[in-house]
Amino acid sequence: MPGDGDEDGERGRRSEAPAPAAADATDRAASGSQATEGTTERTATEGNGVIVPLRLYKTVTVFATLIAVTGVLAGFVLLDAATDRGQAAPGEVDPLLALAGLAAIVLGAAVYAFSTRFRTRGMRKAQAGGNEGKENE
């Protein structure tokens, strides 16, 4: 019977074999684009992130944050104007202006969310557990 358990374990490992191979291909693609970072600015994906050169990462971060903050603030200003600072009766609310405000807020949030996918070489995704502080000490 111990042999049967080993065979089941082997089958389980064999069925998982394609996943590490795919991960190896991703790692090779990421390291290949990073090795040529100085000559060409190719990008590679790593999990849910996109590996980019540091200069591009800084540019994306700055402009995405600027667009996101501007969109959210403009959205609240539009909502404020549509509802006359929250004091308008329901019949007096401008629905088009209110929808434009909501759309601006959603657009700002979406730009920020998509900008968080960009990473540079050496950056890690945040772990679900709170162990990061202990590793960095």
N, C-alpha and C. Protein backbone atom coordinates (compact mmCIF):
# COMPACT_ATOMS: atom_id res chain seq x y z
N MET A 1 0.79 -1.21 0.00
CA MET A 1 0.00 0.00 0.00
C MET A 1 0.83 1.28 0.00
N PRO A 2 2.00 1.32 0.66
CA PRO A 2 2.79 2.54 0.58
C PRO A 2 3.16 2.88 -0.85
N GLY A 3 3.33 1.87 -1.69
CA GLY A 3 3.66 2.13 -3.09
C GLY A 3 2.52 2.84 -3.79
N ASP A 4 1.26 2.49 -3.43
CA ASP A 4 0.10 3.15 -4.04
C ASP A 4 0.06 4.62 -3.69
N GLY A 5 0.40 4.94 -2.46
CA GLY A 5 0.42 6.34 -2.05
C GLY A 5 1.48 7.12 -2.81
N ASP A 6 2.64 6.44 -3.06
CA ASP A 6 3.70 7.10 -3.81
C ASP A 6 3.28 7.34 -5.25
N GLU A 7 2.56 6.35 -5.83
CA GLU A 7 2.13 6.54 -7.21
C GLU A 7 1.12 7.67 -7.32
N ASP A 8 0.21 7.75 -6.33
CA ASP A 8 -0.76 8.85 -6.35
C ASP A 8 -0.04 10.19 -6.22
N GLY A 9 0.98 10.20 -5.38
CA GLY A 9 1.77 11.42 -5.23
C GLY A 9 2.48 11.78 -6.52
N GLU A 10 3.00 10.73 -7.21
CA GLU A 10 3.67 10.97 -8.49
C GLU A 10 2.69 11.51 -9.52
N ARG A 11 1.49 10.94 -9.55
CA ARG A 11 0.48 11.42 -10.50
C ARG A 11 0.14 12.89 -10.21
N GLY A 12 0.00 13.20 -8.94
CA GLY A 12 -0.30 14.58 -8.57
C GLY A 12 0.81 15.52 -9.01
N ARG A 13 2.07 15.08 -8.87
CA ARG A 13 3.18 15.92 -9.29
C ARG A 13 3.25 16.04 -10.80
N ARG A 14 2.94 14.94 -11.48
CA ARG A 14 2.96 15.00 -12.94
C ARG A 14 1.89 15.94 -13.47
N SER A 15 0.71 15.96 -12.84
CA SER A 15 -0.35 16.83 -13.33
C SER A 15 -0.01 18.30 -13.07
N GLU A 16 0.85 18.58 -12.10
CA GLU A 16 1.23 19.95 -11.81
C GLU A 16 2.46 20.38 -12.60
N ALA A 17 3.09 19.48 -13.32
CA ALA A 17 4.33 19.79 -14.03
C ALA A 17 4.20 20.93 -15.04
N PRO A 18 3.10 21.06 -15.78
CA PRO A 18 3.02 22.16 -16.74
C PRO A 18 3.05 23.54 -16.09
N ALA A 19 2.52 23.68 -14.89
CA ALA A 19 2.50 24.99 -14.25
C ALA A 19 3.91 25.51 -13.98
N PRO A 20 4.84 24.72 -13.38
CA PRO A 20 6.20 25.23 -13.20
C PRO A 20 6.89 25.51 -14.52
N ALA A 21 6.61 24.71 -15.54
CA ALA A 21 7.23 24.97 -16.84
C ALA A 21 6.78 26.32 -17.38
N ALA A 22 5.50 26.62 -17.21
CA ALA A 22 5.00 27.92 -17.66
C ALA A 22 5.64 29.04 -16.84
N ALA A 23 5.81 28.79 -15.54
CA ALA A 23 6.44 29.80 -14.70
C ALA A 23 7.89 30.01 -15.11
N ASP A 24 8.60 28.93 -15.47
CA ASP A 24 9.98 29.06 -15.93
C ASP A 24 10.05 29.88 -17.20
N ALA A 25 9.10 29.65 -18.12
CA ALA A 25 9.09 30.42 -19.36
C ALA A 25 8.85 31.90 -19.08
N THR A 26 7.97 32.18 -18.13
CA THR A 26 7.71 33.57 -17.76
C THR A 26 8.95 34.20 -17.14
N ASP A 27 9.64 33.45 -16.27
CA ASP A 27 10.86 33.95 -15.64
C ASP A 27 11.93 34.22 -16.69
N ARG A 28 12.06 33.31 -17.66
CA ARG A 28 13.05 33.52 -18.72
C ARG A 28 12.70 34.74 -19.56
N ALA A 29 11.41 34.92 -19.85
CA ALA A 29 11.00 36.09 -20.64
C ALA A 29 11.28 37.37 -19.87
N ALA A 30 11.00 37.33 -18.56
CA ALA A 30 11.23 38.52 -17.74
C ALA A 30 12.71 38.83 -17.65
N SER A 31 13.53 37.81 -17.43
CA SER A 31 14.96 38.07 -17.31
C SER A 31 15.56 38.47 -18.66
N GLY A 32 15.00 37.95 -19.75
CA GLY A 32 15.51 38.32 -21.07
C GLY A 32 15.25 39.79 -21.38
N SER A 33 14.08 40.29 -21.00
CA SER A 33 13.79 41.69 -21.28
C SER A 33 14.57 42.60 -20.34
N GLN A 34 14.84 42.11 -19.14
CA GLN A 34 15.57 42.93 -18.19
C GLN A 34 17.04 43.00 -18.57
N ALA A 35 17.57 41.95 -19.16
CA ALA A 35 18.98 41.94 -19.53
C ALA A 35 19.25 42.94 -20.65
N THR A 36 18.25 43.18 -21.50
CA THR A 36 18.44 44.11 -22.61
C THR A 36 17.81 45.46 -22.29
N GLU A 37 17.59 45.73 -21.03
CA GLU A 37 16.92 46.96 -20.62
C GLU A 37 17.61 48.22 -21.15
N GLY A 38 18.92 48.23 -21.19
CA GLY A 38 19.65 49.41 -21.63
C GLY A 38 19.54 49.66 -23.12
N THR A 39 19.39 48.59 -23.93
CA THR A 39 19.38 48.76 -25.37
C THR A 39 17.98 48.87 -25.93
N THR A 40 17.06 48.06 -25.47
CA THR A 40 15.68 48.16 -25.93
C THR A 40 14.77 48.16 -24.73
N GLU A 41 13.61 48.77 -24.88
CA GLU A 41 12.69 48.87 -23.76
C GLU A 41 11.53 47.91 -23.95
N ARG A 42 11.85 46.62 -23.97
CA ARG A 42 10.81 45.62 -24.07
C ARG A 42 10.24 45.38 -22.68
N THR A 43 9.00 44.91 -22.64
CA THR A 43 8.38 44.61 -21.37
C THR A 43 8.12 43.12 -21.29
N ALA A 44 7.99 42.62 -20.07
CA ALA A 44 7.66 41.23 -19.84
C ALA A 44 6.63 41.17 -18.73
N THR A 45 5.81 40.14 -18.77
CA THR A 45 4.81 40.00 -17.74
C THR A 45 5.32 39.03 -16.68
N GLU A 46 4.95 39.29 -15.46
CA GLU A 46 5.29 38.41 -14.36
C GLU A 46 4.07 38.31 -13.48
N GLY A 47 3.33 37.21 -13.60
CA GLY A 47 2.09 37.07 -12.84
C GLY A 47 1.09 38.09 -13.32
N ASN A 48 0.65 38.95 -12.42
CA ASN A 48 -0.30 39.99 -12.77
C ASN A 48 0.38 41.32 -13.06
N GLY A 49 1.69 41.38 -13.03
CA GLY A 49 2.40 42.63 -13.22
C GLY A 49 3.13 42.67 -14.55
N VAL A 50 3.51 43.87 -14.94
CA VAL A 50 4.28 44.07 -16.16
C VAL A 50 5.62 44.66 -15.75
N ILE A 51 6.71 43.98 -16.11
CA ILE A 51 8.04 44.45 -15.76
C ILE A 51 8.47 45.48 -16.79
N VAL A 52 8.80 46.67 -16.32
CA VAL A 52 9.20 47.77 -17.21
C VAL A 52 10.48 48.40 -16.67
N PRO A 53 11.19 49.14 -17.50
CA PRO A 53 12.38 49.86 -17.01
C PRO A 53 11.98 50.90 -15.95
N LEU A 54 12.93 51.24 -15.10
CA LEU A 54 12.67 52.16 -13.99
C LEU A 54 12.14 53.51 -14.47
N ARG A 55 12.71 54.04 -15.54
CA ARG A 55 12.28 55.35 -16.06
C ARG A 55 10.81 55.32 -16.48
N LEU A 56 10.41 54.26 -17.18
CA LEU A 56 9.02 54.12 -17.60
C LEU A 56 8.11 53.94 -16.39
N TYR A 57 8.56 53.17 -15.40
CA TYR A 57 7.78 52.96 -14.18
C TYR A 57 7.51 54.29 -13.47
N LYS A 58 8.54 55.12 -13.36
CA LYS A 58 8.37 56.42 -12.70
C LYS A 58 7.39 57.29 -13.48
N THR A 59 7.51 57.30 -14.80
CA THR A 59 6.62 58.11 -15.64
C THR A 59 5.17 57.65 -15.50
N VAL A 60 4.95 56.34 -15.57
CA VAL A 60 3.60 55.80 -15.45
C VAL A 60 3.03 56.13 -14.08
N THR A 61 3.83 55.96 -13.04
CA THR A 61 3.36 56.21 -11.68
C THR A 61 2.97 57.67 -11.49
N VAL A 62 3.81 58.59 -11.94
CA VAL A 62 3.53 60.01 -11.76
C VAL A 62 2.28 60.43 -12.52
N PHE A 63 2.21 60.09 -13.81
CA PHE A 63 1.07 60.55 -14.60
C PHE A 63 -0.21 59.83 -14.24
N ALA A 64 -0.15 58.56 -13.90
CA ALA A 64 -1.36 57.83 -13.51
C ALA A 64 -1.91 58.40 -12.20
N THR A 65 -1.03 58.70 -11.27
CA THR A 65 -1.49 59.29 -10.02
C THR A 65 -2.10 60.67 -10.25
N LEU A 66 -1.46 61.46 -11.10
CA LEU A 66 -1.99 62.79 -11.43
C LEU A 66 -3.37 62.70 -12.08
N ILE A 67 -3.51 61.80 -13.04
CA ILE A 67 -4.80 61.63 -13.72
C ILE A 67 -5.86 61.11 -12.75
N ALA A 68 -5.48 60.15 -11.90
CA ALA A 68 -6.43 59.57 -10.95
C ALA A 68 -6.92 60.61 -9.95
N VAL A 69 -6.01 61.36 -9.37
CA VAL A 69 -6.40 62.37 -8.38
C VAL A 69 -7.25 63.45 -9.04
N THR A 70 -6.85 63.89 -10.21
CA THR A 70 -7.61 64.92 -10.92
C THR A 70 -9.01 64.41 -11.26
N GLY A 71 -9.10 63.18 -11.71
CA GLY A 71 -10.40 62.61 -12.06
C GLY A 71 -11.32 62.51 -10.86
N VAL A 72 -10.80 62.04 -9.75
CA VAL A 72 -11.63 61.89 -8.55
C VAL A 72 -12.07 63.27 -8.02
N LEU A 73 -11.13 64.21 -7.96
CA LEU A 73 -11.50 65.56 -7.49
C LEU A 73 -12.50 66.22 -8.43
N ALA A 74 -12.28 66.12 -9.73
CA ALA A 74 -13.22 66.70 -10.70
C ALA A 74 -14.59 66.03 -10.57
N GLY A 75 -14.60 64.74 -10.34
CA GLY A 75 -15.87 64.03 -10.16
C GLY A 75 -16.65 64.54 -8.97
N PHE A 76 -15.96 64.76 -7.86
CA PHE A 76 -16.67 65.28 -6.69
C PHE A 76 -17.12 66.73 -6.89
N VAL A 77 -16.34 67.50 -7.62
CA VAL A 77 -16.76 68.88 -7.93
C VAL A 77 -18.00 68.86 -8.81
N LEU A 78 -18.03 67.97 -9.79
CA LEU A 78 -19.20 67.86 -10.66
C LEU A 78 -20.43 67.38 -9.87
N LEU A 79 -20.24 66.41 -9.00
CA LEU A 79 -21.36 65.96 -8.16
C LEU A 79 -21.86 67.08 -7.26
N ASP A 80 -20.92 67.85 -6.74
CA ASP A 80 -21.28 68.97 -5.88
C ASP A 80 -22.09 70.00 -6.65
N ALA A 81 -21.66 70.29 -7.89
CA ALA A 81 -22.39 71.25 -8.71
C ALA A 81 -23.75 70.70 -9.13
N ALA A 82 -23.82 69.41 -9.41
CA ALA A 82 -25.09 68.81 -9.84
C ALA A 82 -26.13 68.82 -8.74
N THR A 83 -25.70 68.71 -7.50
CA THR A 83 -26.64 68.63 -6.38
C THR A 83 -26.72 69.95 -5.60
N ASP A 84 -26.12 71.00 -6.14
CA ASP A 84 -26.10 72.31 -5.48
C ASP A 84 -25.63 72.17 -4.04
N ARG A 85 -24.43 71.59 -3.92
CA ARG A 85 -23.77 71.34 -2.63
C ARG A 85 -24.61 70.47 -1.70
N GLY A 86 -25.31 69.52 -2.31
CA GLY A 86 -26.09 68.58 -1.53
C GLY A 86 -27.38 69.12 -0.98
N GLN A 87 -27.78 70.32 -1.38
CA GLN A 87 -28.98 70.95 -0.84
C GLN A 87 -30.12 71.00 -1.85
N ALA A 88 -29.91 70.50 -3.06
CA ALA A 88 -30.95 70.54 -4.09
C ALA A 88 -32.00 69.47 -3.81
N ALA A 89 -33.22 69.81 -4.14
CA ALA A 89 -34.30 68.83 -4.06
C ALA A 89 -34.08 67.79 -5.16
N PRO A 90 -34.59 66.59 -4.98
CA PRO A 90 -34.36 65.56 -6.00
C PRO A 90 -34.75 65.97 -7.41
N GLY A 91 -35.74 66.79 -7.56
CA GLY A 91 -36.17 67.24 -8.88
C GLY A 91 -35.23 68.28 -9.48
N GLU A 92 -34.43 68.93 -8.64
CA GLU A 92 -33.53 69.99 -9.11
C GLU A 92 -32.13 69.48 -9.45
N VAL A 93 -31.85 68.22 -9.18
CA VAL A 93 -30.52 67.65 -9.45
C VAL A 93 -30.34 67.50 -10.95
N ASP A 94 -29.20 67.92 -11.45
CA ASP A 94 -28.87 67.78 -12.87
C ASP A 94 -28.31 66.38 -13.10
N PRO A 95 -29.09 65.47 -13.70
CA PRO A 95 -28.65 64.08 -13.84
C PRO A 95 -27.42 63.91 -14.74
N LEU A 96 -27.32 64.72 -15.79
CA LEU A 96 -26.17 64.58 -16.68
C LEU A 96 -24.87 65.00 -15.98
N LEU A 97 -24.94 66.05 -15.22
CA LEU A 97 -23.76 66.51 -14.48
C LEU A 97 -23.39 65.50 -13.39
N ALA A 98 -24.40 64.92 -12.74
CA ALA A 98 -24.15 63.91 -11.71
C ALA A 98 -23.51 62.66 -12.33
N LEU A 99 -24.01 62.23 -13.47
CA LEU A 99 -23.42 61.07 -14.15
C LEU A 99 -22.01 61.36 -14.62
N ALA A 100 -21.77 62.57 -15.08
CA ALA A 100 -20.41 62.95 -15.48
C ALA A 100 -19.46 62.91 -14.28
N GLY A 101 -19.95 63.35 -13.13
CA GLY A 101 -19.15 63.29 -11.91
C GLY A 101 -18.83 61.86 -11.51
N LEU A 102 -19.83 61.00 -11.55
CA LEU A 102 -19.60 59.59 -11.22
C LEU A 102 -18.64 58.93 -12.21
N ALA A 103 -18.79 59.28 -13.49
CA ALA A 103 -17.90 58.72 -14.50
C ALA A 103 -16.46 59.18 -14.27
N ALA A 104 -16.26 60.42 -13.89
CA ALA A 104 -14.91 60.92 -13.62
C ALA A 104 -14.28 60.21 -12.43
N ILE A 105 -15.07 59.94 -11.41
CA ILE A 105 -14.56 59.22 -10.24
C ILE A 105 -14.17 57.80 -10.62
N VAL A 106 -15.02 57.12 -11.38
CA VAL A 106 -14.73 55.75 -11.81
C VAL A 106 -13.51 55.72 -12.72
N LEU A 107 -13.39 56.69 -13.62
CA LEU A 107 -12.23 56.75 -14.51
C LEU A 107 -10.94 56.95 -13.72
N GLY A 108 -10.96 57.84 -12.74
CA GLY A 108 -9.79 58.06 -11.91
C GLY A 108 -9.39 56.81 -11.15
N ALA A 109 -10.37 56.10 -10.61
CA ALA A 109 -10.09 54.86 -9.88
C ALA A 109 -9.55 53.79 -10.81
N ALA A 110 -10.09 53.69 -12.02
CA ALA A 110 -9.63 52.68 -12.97
C ALA A 110 -8.20 52.96 -13.42
N VAL A 111 -7.87 54.22 -13.68
CA VAL A 111 -6.50 54.57 -14.08
C VAL A 111 -5.52 54.18 -12.99
N TYR A 112 -5.86 54.49 -11.75
CA TYR A 112 -4.98 54.14 -10.64
C TYR A 112 -4.84 52.62 -10.50
N ALA A 113 -5.95 51.91 -10.61
CA ALA A 113 -5.91 50.45 -10.47
C ALA A 113 -5.04 49.81 -11.55
N PHE A 114 -5.16 50.26 -12.78
CA PHE A 114 -4.34 49.68 -13.84
C PHE A 114 -2.88 50.09 -13.73
N SER A 115 -2.61 51.24 -13.17
CA SER A 115 -1.21 51.67 -13.03
C SER A 115 -0.46 50.84 -12.01
N THR A 116 -1.17 50.20 -11.10
CA THR A 116 -0.50 49.38 -10.09
C THR A 116 0.04 48.08 -10.65
N ARG A 117 -0.28 47.73 -11.88
CA ARG A 117 0.25 46.51 -12.50
C ARG A 117 1.72 46.66 -12.89
N PHE A 118 2.20 47.86 -13.07
CA PHE A 118 3.57 48.07 -13.52
C PHE A 118 4.55 47.87 -12.38
N ARG A 119 5.66 47.19 -12.67
CA ARG A 119 6.70 46.94 -11.68
C ARG A 119 8.06 47.07 -12.37
N THR A 120 9.08 47.29 -11.56
CA THR A 120 10.44 47.27 -12.08
C THR A 120 11.12 46.00 -11.61
N ARG A 121 12.30 45.76 -12.15
CA ARG A 121 13.05 44.58 -11.75
C ARG A 121 13.36 44.68 -10.26
N GLY A 122 13.14 43.61 -9.55
CA GLY A 122 13.43 43.59 -8.13
C GLY A 122 12.25 43.90 -7.24
N MET A 123 11.16 44.42 -7.80
CA MET A 123 9.97 44.70 -7.00
C MET A 123 9.19 43.41 -6.82
N ARG A 124 8.60 43.25 -5.65
CA ARG A 124 7.78 42.08 -5.38
C ARG A 124 6.34 42.51 -5.18
N LYS A 125 5.43 41.56 -5.41
CA LYS A 125 4.04 41.82 -5.07
C LYS A 125 3.89 41.78 -3.57
N ALA A 126 2.98 42.55 -3.04
CA ALA A 126 2.71 42.53 -1.61
C ALA A 126 2.14 41.17 -1.24
N GLN A 127 2.63 40.62 -0.15
CA GLN A 127 2.18 39.31 0.31
C GLN A 127 0.89 39.47 1.10
N ALA A 128 0.06 38.43 1.09
CA ALA A 128 -1.19 38.46 1.85
C ALA A 128 -0.90 38.47 3.34
N GLY A 129 0.13 37.75 3.76
CA GLY A 129 0.49 37.71 5.17
C GLY A 129 1.25 38.95 5.57
N GLY A 130 1.34 39.21 6.84
CA GLY A 130 2.03 40.41 7.31
C GLY A 130 3.49 40.13 7.64
N ASN A 131 4.16 39.26 6.91
CA ASN A 131 5.54 38.88 7.21
C ASN A 131 6.57 39.82 6.61
N GLU A 132 6.17 40.76 5.79
CA GLU A 132 7.14 41.60 5.10
C GLU A 132 7.99 42.41 6.07
N GLY A 133 7.40 42.92 7.12
CA GLY A 133 8.16 43.72 8.08
C GLY A 133 9.27 42.92 8.72
N LYS A 134 9.02 41.64 8.98
CA LYS A 134 10.01 40.79 9.61
C LYS A 134 11.17 40.50 8.67
N GLU A 135 10.88 40.33 7.37
CA GLU A 135 11.94 40.04 6.40
C GLU A 135 12.86 41.24 6.20
N ASN A 136 12.30 42.44 6.29
CA ASN A 136 13.07 43.65 6.01
C ASN A 136 13.85 44.15 7.20
N GLU A 137 13.65 43.55 8.36
CA GLU A 137 14.34 44.03 9.57
C GLU A 137 15.75 43.55 9.61
